[in-house]
């Protein structure tokens, strides 16, 4: 939405429309005021079509949070969820809405248009998932592994002929996909972000910024890119359900890194996975990047993603990459991903020397 001659009036109309239809129902000024912990008079002053009051940025942020999720109005009294409780898709919706409202609000308040709202430290910052040179006409594409035919045959609603068919039911590493999809959208609100199964990847998808999730078993894109890049890491895959294989430094079998699996009675339990993060020029288009988020198990893939999305550690880990690799445009890191109680993936701290297993970087001439 581009500001009109009177952005204050346009902002007031936008806020009024959000209240009346933003979540699919008409919300009274009283109910919204209660959720935002303000007076009805304030809501009315922000919405009036003649000489409206411009809300402070803190109120704009509240609007973006409230109208980013239907959970705000799932029961009365309506409520404003804490930002930390938003799901990745809701974070992305909040980011998009906040961007539009903030541009209008800044114009209405007479703030400099050169100040981009993304620079505000109200969302997720920038870091490695910010793509400033992306073509706005081309999406950032996340490539996901797809279940092989044998597993797909028994997945509920995995058949396209099923009336309840779900495209997501065919994919793996869904935890990592949802976490990263929402984060990238939040950091790049003006870009399209899309995901594909490796089987549905299109020719044009490969030449933009490309993010590949998962290992070489079920993601052919991961296997092909690991072969094309210069990083000295290979992934050795085994068929055993728990003794899955290892990451190995090329030509040095002594530097092989395997997950830690413990025998617990008649069961084997994963205590620690190995994660792999690579960033470098896209081998299919050197003006764009390719990023690999890999692990021997799905836990390692999620840990790799969360290293740069987790609210507590993403900035520290981004600083680690900057200090360790500087202006090198290709780099990789192998690291431990602890797993608690078989289900809790602990976000790796790359500043902990015990966590990092191997690093590599290369600078283009």
Protein backbone atom coordinates (compact mmCIF):
# COMPACT_ATOMS: atom_id res chain seq x y z
CA UNK A 1 0.00 0.00 0.00
CA UNK A 2 1.53 3.29 -1.08
CA UNK A 3 0.75 6.41 0.94
CA UNK A 4 -1.76 8.81 -0.65
CA UNK A 5 -1.67 12.61 -0.40
CA UNK A 6 -2.91 12.27 3.19
CA UNK A 7 -1.27 9.19 4.73
CA UNK A 8 -2.84 9.92 8.13
CA UNK A 9 -6.32 9.45 6.67
CA UNK A 10 -5.20 6.34 4.80
CA UNK A 11 -3.74 4.91 8.01
CA UNK A 12 -6.95 5.61 9.92
CA UNK A 13 -8.98 3.84 7.21
CA UNK A 14 -6.60 0.89 7.30
CA UNK A 15 -6.92 0.56 11.08
CA UNK A 16 -10.70 0.82 10.87
CA UNK A 17 -10.87 -1.85 8.14
CA UNK A 18 -8.70 -4.17 10.19
CA UNK A 19 -11.08 -3.86 13.12
CA UNK A 20 -14.16 -4.43 10.99
CA UNK A 21 -12.88 -7.28 8.82
CA UNK A 22 -9.22 -8.00 9.55
CA UNK A 23 -9.91 -11.33 11.23
CA UNK A 24 -13.13 -12.19 9.45
CA UNK A 25 -15.47 -10.64 12.02
CA UNK A 26 -16.56 -7.21 13.17
CA UNK A 27 -14.76 -6.22 16.37
CA UNK A 28 -16.20 -3.39 18.43
CA UNK A 29 -13.98 -0.52 19.49
CA UNK A 30 -14.62 -1.55 23.09
CA UNK A 31 -13.43 -5.12 22.59
CA UNK A 32 -10.32 -3.96 20.73
CA UNK A 33 -9.57 -1.32 23.36
CA UNK A 34 -9.74 -3.97 26.08
CA UNK A 35 -7.35 -6.25 24.18
CA UNK A 36 -4.84 -3.43 23.60
CA UNK A 37 -5.29 -2.09 27.14
CA UNK A 38 -6.27 1.41 26.05
CA UNK A 39 -9.40 3.57 26.00
CA UNK A 40 -12.21 3.49 23.45
CA UNK A 41 -11.57 7.18 22.89
CA UNK A 42 -8.04 6.40 21.69
CA UNK A 43 -9.25 3.77 19.23
CA UNK A 44 -11.83 6.25 17.94
CA UNK A 45 -9.23 9.01 17.56
CA UNK A 46 -6.97 6.74 15.48
CA UNK A 47 -9.84 5.68 13.20
CA UNK A 48 -11.73 8.90 12.57
CA UNK A 49 -11.74 9.92 8.91
CA UNK A 50 -11.27 13.65 9.61
CA UNK A 51 -8.12 14.89 11.37
CA UNK A 52 -7.18 11.47 12.82
CA UNK A 53 -4.57 11.07 15.54
CA UNK A 54 -1.45 9.17 14.45
CA UNK A 55 -0.77 6.29 16.87
CA UNK A 56 2.71 5.84 18.37
CA UNK A 57 4.81 3.04 16.91
CA UNK A 58 4.18 0.85 19.98
CA UNK A 59 0.45 0.83 19.19
CA UNK A 60 1.14 0.01 15.53
CA UNK A 61 3.14 -2.99 16.71
CA UNK A 62 0.21 -4.07 18.87
CA UNK A 63 -2.17 -3.85 15.91
CA UNK A 64 0.20 -5.97 13.80
CA UNK A 65 0.43 -8.61 16.51
CA UNK A 66 -3.31 -8.69 17.23
CA UNK A 67 -4.38 -8.99 13.58
CA UNK A 68 -1.67 -11.52 12.64
CA UNK A 69 -3.50 -14.47 14.23
CA UNK A 70 -7.12 -15.59 14.60
CA UNK A 71 -6.17 -16.80 18.07
CA UNK A 72 -6.55 -13.18 19.18
CA UNK A 73 -10.34 -13.53 18.89
CA UNK A 74 -10.92 -17.24 19.47
CA UNK A 75 -12.65 -16.44 22.78
CA UNK A 76 -13.80 -13.42 24.77
CA UNK A 77 -12.36 -11.29 26.10
CA UNK A 78 -10.15 -10.87 23.05
CA UNK A 79 -6.44 -10.87 23.82
CA UNK A 80 -3.07 -9.66 22.57
CA UNK A 81 -0.70 -12.63 22.40
CA UNK A 82 2.96 -12.20 23.41
CA UNK A 83 5.18 -12.09 20.31
CA UNK A 84 7.11 -15.10 21.58
CA UNK A 85 3.92 -17.21 21.38
CA UNK A 86 3.33 -16.57 17.68
CA UNK A 87 3.81 -19.48 15.30
CA UNK A 88 6.26 -19.02 12.40
CA UNK A 89 3.48 -18.36 9.88
CA UNK A 90 1.93 -15.81 12.27
CA UNK A 91 5.33 -14.12 12.70
CA UNK A 92 5.50 -13.75 8.92
CA UNK A 93 1.97 -12.34 8.74
CA UNK A 94 2.79 -9.90 11.54
CA UNK A 95 5.93 -8.78 9.74
CA UNK A 96 4.08 -8.10 6.50
CA UNK A 97 1.30 -6.16 8.23
CA UNK A 98 3.73 -4.23 10.43
CA UNK A 99 5.69 -3.16 7.38
CA UNK A 100 2.61 -1.71 5.68
CA UNK A 101 1.29 0.02 8.77
CA UNK A 102 4.69 1.41 9.76
CA UNK A 103 5.29 2.96 6.35
CA UNK A 104 1.93 4.70 6.57
CA UNK A 105 2.50 5.71 10.18
CA UNK A 106 5.96 7.17 9.42
CA UNK A 107 4.56 9.12 6.49
CA UNK A 108 1.68 10.41 8.61
CA UNK A 109 4.06 11.44 11.39
CA UNK A 110 6.46 13.11 8.97
CA UNK A 111 9.31 10.69 9.66
CA UNK A 112 12.02 10.35 7.04
CA UNK A 113 11.02 7.86 4.34
CA UNK A 114 14.64 6.77 4.17
CA UNK A 115 14.20 4.96 7.49
CA UNK A 116 13.23 1.41 6.59
CA UNK A 117 11.06 -0.29 9.20
CA UNK A 118 13.11 -3.48 8.90
CA UNK A 119 15.98 -1.67 10.60
CA UNK A 120 13.93 -1.37 13.78
CA UNK A 121 14.83 -3.89 16.45
CA UNK A 122 11.17 -4.80 16.96
CA UNK A 123 11.18 -8.08 15.10
CA UNK A 124 14.02 -10.39 14.16
CA UNK A 125 16.83 -8.14 12.95
CA UNK A 126 18.75 -9.14 9.87
CA UNK A 127 21.56 -11.68 10.05
CA UNK A 128 22.32 -14.34 7.44
CA UNK A 129 18.65 -14.76 6.52
CA UNK A 130 18.38 -11.20 5.23
CA UNK A 131 18.65 -11.05 1.42
CA UNK A 132 19.20 -7.38 0.47
CA UNK A 133 20.11 -8.11 -3.15
CA UNK A 134 17.21 -10.43 -3.91
CA UNK A 135 15.11 -9.84 -7.01
CA UNK A 136 11.64 -8.86 -5.69
CA UNK A 137 10.12 -10.62 -8.70
CA UNK A 138 11.78 -13.93 -7.83
CA UNK A 139 11.05 -15.90 -4.67
CA UNK A 140 13.48 -17.19 -2.11
CA UNK A 141 12.85 -20.93 -2.48
CA UNK A 142 13.10 -23.51 0.30
CA UNK A 143 13.64 -27.03 -1.06
CA UNK A 144 12.33 -29.81 1.18
CA UNK A 145 12.89 -33.56 1.14
CA UNK A 146 9.95 -35.69 0.01
CA UNK A 147 9.01 -39.07 1.40
CA UNK A 148 9.93 -41.95 -0.92
CA UNK A 149 7.10 -43.85 -2.64
CA UNK A 150 7.04 -46.68 -0.08
CA UNK A 151 6.45 -44.29 2.83
CA UNK A 152 4.06 -42.11 0.82
CA UNK A 153 1.85 -45.11 0.11
CA UNK A 154 0.81 -45.31 3.79
CA UNK A 155 0.64 -41.58 4.60
CA UNK A 156 -2.92 -40.39 5.37
CA UNK A 157 -4.11 -37.87 2.79
CA UNK A 158 -0.88 -38.23 0.82
CA UNK A 159 -2.62 -39.24 -2.41
CA UNK A 160 -3.48 -36.26 -4.66
CA UNK A 161 -6.75 -38.03 -5.53
CA UNK A 162 -7.82 -37.92 -1.87
CA UNK A 163 -10.32 -35.07 -1.23
CA UNK A 164 -8.41 -34.36 1.99
CA UNK A 165 -5.05 -34.39 0.23
CA UNK A 166 -2.36 -32.28 1.89
CA UNK A 167 0.77 -31.27 -0.01
CA UNK A 168 2.65 -30.96 3.28
CA UNK A 169 1.95 -34.59 4.10
CA UNK A 170 4.44 -35.56 1.40
CA UNK A 171 7.30 -33.58 2.94
CA UNK A 172 9.76 -34.26 5.75
CA UNK A 173 11.60 -31.87 8.08
CA UNK A 174 8.37 -29.92 8.59
CA UNK A 175 9.53 -28.50 11.94
CA UNK A 176 12.54 -26.95 10.24
CA UNK A 177 10.48 -25.76 7.26
CA UNK A 178 7.87 -23.92 9.36
CA UNK A 179 10.51 -22.36 11.62
CA UNK A 180 12.60 -21.10 8.72
CA UNK A 181 9.76 -20.08 6.40
CA UNK A 182 8.28 -17.75 8.98
CA UNK A 183 11.66 -16.32 9.94
CA UNK A 184 12.77 -15.54 6.38
CA UNK A 185 9.45 -13.87 5.64
CA UNK A 186 9.74 -11.79 8.80
CA UNK A 187 13.24 -10.57 7.90
CA UNK A 188 12.36 -9.96 4.23
CA UNK A 189 8.76 -8.74 4.28
CA UNK A 190 8.89 -7.40 0.72
CA UNK A 191 10.11 -10.67 -0.80
CA UNK A 192 8.20 -13.73 -1.84
CA UNK A 193 9.22 -16.83 0.09
CA UNK A 194 8.06 -20.18 -1.24
CA UNK A 195 8.76 -23.83 -0.53
CA UNK A 196 8.86 -26.84 -2.83
CA UNK A 197 9.34 -30.54 -2.46
CA UNK A 198 12.47 -31.60 -4.30
CA UNK A 199 10.20 -33.51 -6.70
CA UNK A 200 8.27 -30.35 -7.64
CA UNK A 201 11.30 -28.08 -8.02
CA UNK A 202 11.10 -25.98 -11.18
CA UNK A 203 13.92 -24.81 -13.42
CA UNK A 204 13.53 -21.13 -12.49
CA UNK A 205 13.62 -21.97 -8.77
CA UNK A 206 17.28 -22.89 -8.92
CA UNK A 207 18.64 -19.50 -10.00
CA UNK A 208 17.42 -17.32 -7.13
CA UNK A 209 18.38 -17.50 -3.47
CA UNK A 210 18.05 -21.20 -2.68
CA UNK A 211 17.72 -22.84 0.75
CA UNK A 212 17.97 -26.61 0.88
CA UNK A 213 16.73 -28.55 3.90
CA UNK A 214 17.66 -32.11 4.80
CA UNK A 215 20.23 -34.66 3.81
CA UNK A 216 21.28 -36.57 0.76
CA UNK A 217 18.95 -39.55 1.31
CA UNK A 218 15.64 -37.89 0.46
CA UNK A 219 16.72 -34.56 -1.01
CA UNK A 220 18.45 -34.90 -4.36
CA UNK A 221 19.08 -31.14 -4.39
CA UNK A 222 21.21 -31.46 -1.26
CA UNK A 223 23.23 -34.27 -2.82
CA UNK A 224 23.79 -32.37 -6.06
CA UNK A 225 24.80 -29.11 -4.37
CA UNK A 226 27.21 -30.81 -1.95
CA UNK A 227 28.87 -32.29 -5.01
CA UNK A 228 29.12 -28.92 -6.81
CA UNK A 229 30.44 -26.71 -4.01
CA UNK A 230 34.02 -26.60 -2.76
CA UNK A 231 33.33 -27.25 0.91
CA UNK A 232 35.41 -30.28 1.99
CA UNK A 233 32.50 -32.13 3.62
CA UNK A 234 30.72 -35.26 2.47
CA UNK A 235 27.72 -36.98 3.98
CA UNK A 236 27.99 -40.74 4.32
CA UNK A 237 24.55 -42.31 4.48
CA UNK A 238 23.72 -45.72 5.90
CA UNK A 239 20.38 -47.54 5.76
CA UNK A 240 20.24 -48.45 9.46
CA UNK A 241 17.41 -46.52 11.19
CA UNK A 242 19.63 -45.31 14.07
CA UNK A 243 23.22 -45.79 12.90
CA UNK A 244 22.51 -43.39 10.07
CA UNK A 245 26.06 -42.57 8.95
CA UNK A 246 28.28 -39.51 9.36
CA UNK A 247 29.62 -36.26 8.02
CA UNK A 248 33.24 -36.64 6.95
CA UNK A 249 35.99 -34.22 6.03
CA UNK A 250 36.95 -35.06 2.47
CA UNK A 251 40.05 -37.26 2.16
CA UNK A 252 40.42 -37.58 5.92
CA UNK A 253 38.38 -40.47 7.29
CA UNK A 254 39.74 -39.75 10.78
CA UNK A 255 37.58 -36.61 10.84
CA UNK A 256 34.22 -38.36 10.75
CA UNK A 257 31.41 -37.05 12.91
CA UNK A 258 28.52 -39.31 13.86
CA UNK A 259 25.41 -38.82 15.98
CA UNK A 260 25.54 -40.06 19.57
CA UNK A 261 23.12 -42.93 20.14
CA UNK A 262 22.67 -44.67 23.51
CA UNK A 263 21.24 -48.10 24.22
CA UNK A 264 18.30 -47.82 26.60
CA UNK A 265 17.08 -51.34 27.36
CA UNK A 266 15.92 -52.76 24.07
CA UNK A 267 15.80 -49.32 22.43
CA UNK A 268 18.35 -46.97 20.93
CA UNK A 269 17.96 -43.30 21.86
CA UNK A 270 19.39 -40.28 20.03
CA UNK A 271 21.31 -38.08 22.46
CA UNK A 272 23.08 -35.82 19.99
CA UNK A 273 22.85 -35.22 16.26
CA UNK A 274 25.34 -33.54 13.93
CA UNK A 275 24.24 -30.38 12.11
CA UNK A 276 25.74 -28.90 8.96
CA UNK A 277 25.35 -25.30 7.74
CA UNK A 278 26.79 -24.11 4.42
CA UNK A 279 26.44 -20.70 2.76
CA UNK A 280 28.01 -19.74 -0.55
CA UNK A 281 27.34 -18.57 -4.10
CA UNK A 282 24.59 -20.51 -5.80
CA UNK A 283 26.34 -22.92 -8.22
CA UNK A 284 23.47 -22.37 -10.66
CA UNK A 285 23.68 -18.54 -10.46
CA UNK A 286 26.72 -17.04 -8.73
CA UNK A 287 24.93 -13.70 -8.13
CA UNK A 288 22.63 -15.43 -5.63
CA UNK A 289 23.31 -17.67 -2.63
CA UNK A 290 22.69 -21.26 -1.72
CA UNK A 291 22.30 -22.37 1.87
CA UNK A 292 22.35 -25.94 3.16
CA UNK A 293 20.70 -26.81 6.49
CA UNK A 294 21.47 -30.44 7.04
CA UNK A 295 21.73 -33.10 9.73
CA UNK A 296 22.05 -36.85 9.97
CA UNK A 297 18.53 -36.92 11.44
CA UNK A 298 15.64 -34.47 11.31
CA UNK A 299 16.72 -33.26 14.78
CA UNK A 300 19.98 -32.05 13.29
CA UNK A 301 18.19 -30.23 10.48
CA UNK A 302 15.96 -28.41 12.99
CA UNK A 303 18.95 -27.56 15.19
CA UNK A 304 20.76 -26.12 12.18
CA UNK A 305 17.80 -23.89 11.36
CA UNK A 306 17.25 -22.79 14.95
CA UNK A 307 20.90 -21.76 15.33
CA UNK A 308 20.01 -18.63 13.34
CA UNK A 309 16.32 -18.21 14.22
CA UNK A 310 16.19 -18.83 17.98
CA UNK A 311 15.50 -15.56 19.78
CA UNK A 312 18.16 -16.15 22.46
CA UNK A 313 21.07 -17.33 20.30
CA UNK A 314 20.54 -16.19 16.70
CA UNK A 315 22.42 -12.89 17.11
CA UNK A 316 25.32 -14.52 18.97
CA UNK A 317 25.59 -17.21 16.31
CA UNK A 318 25.37 -14.64 13.51
CA UNK A 319 28.21 -12.72 15.19
CA UNK A 320 30.22 -15.94 15.33
CA UNK A 321 29.86 -16.36 11.55
CA UNK A 322 30.87 -12.76 10.93
CA UNK A 323 33.93 -12.89 13.19
CA UNK A 324 35.07 -16.34 12.10
CA UNK A 325 34.55 -15.98 8.34
CA UNK A 326 34.72 -12.22 7.78
CA UNK A 327 34.31 -11.35 4.11
CA UNK A 328 34.65 -14.94 2.89
CA UNK A 329 31.67 -15.64 0.67
CA UNK A 330 31.67 -19.43 1.13
CA UNK A 331 31.79 -21.09 4.53
CA UNK A 332 30.57 -24.15 6.37
CA UNK A 333 30.30 -25.33 9.95
CA UNK A 334 29.74 -28.77 11.46
CA UNK A 335 28.45 -28.83 15.03
CA UNK A 336 26.75 -30.84 17.75
CA UNK A 337 22.96 -30.67 18.22
CA UNK A 338 21.96 -31.98 21.68
CA UNK A 339 18.61 -33.73 22.03
CA UNK A 340 16.88 -33.96 25.43
CA UNK A 341 14.32 -36.64 26.30
CA UNK A 342 14.26 -37.77 22.66
CA UNK A 343 12.16 -34.75 21.60
CA UNK A 344 13.67 -31.42 22.70
CA UNK A 345 16.18 -30.06 20.18
CA UNK A 346 18.60 -27.77 22.02
CA UNK A 347 19.65 -24.77 19.94
CA UNK A 348 23.41 -25.06 19.35
CA UNK A 349 25.64 -22.25 20.62
CA UNK A 350 28.41 -21.87 18.06
CA UNK A 351 30.44 -19.74 20.47
CA UNK A 352 30.89 -22.80 22.67
CA UNK A 353 34.10 -24.51 21.43
CA UNK A 354 32.72 -27.90 22.49
CA UNK A 355 29.80 -27.43 20.10
CA UNK A 356 31.74 -26.70 16.92
CA UNK A 357 33.34 -29.74 15.26
CA UNK A 358 34.75 -28.30 12.03
CA UNK A 359 34.77 -25.01 10.10
CA UNK A 360 35.86 -24.05 6.60
CA UNK A 361 35.73 -20.93 4.45
CA UNK A 362 36.81 -19.68 1.05
CA UNK A 363 37.05 -16.23 -0.53
CA UNK A 364 36.40 -15.79 -4.22
CA UNK A 365 39.15 -14.11 -6.16
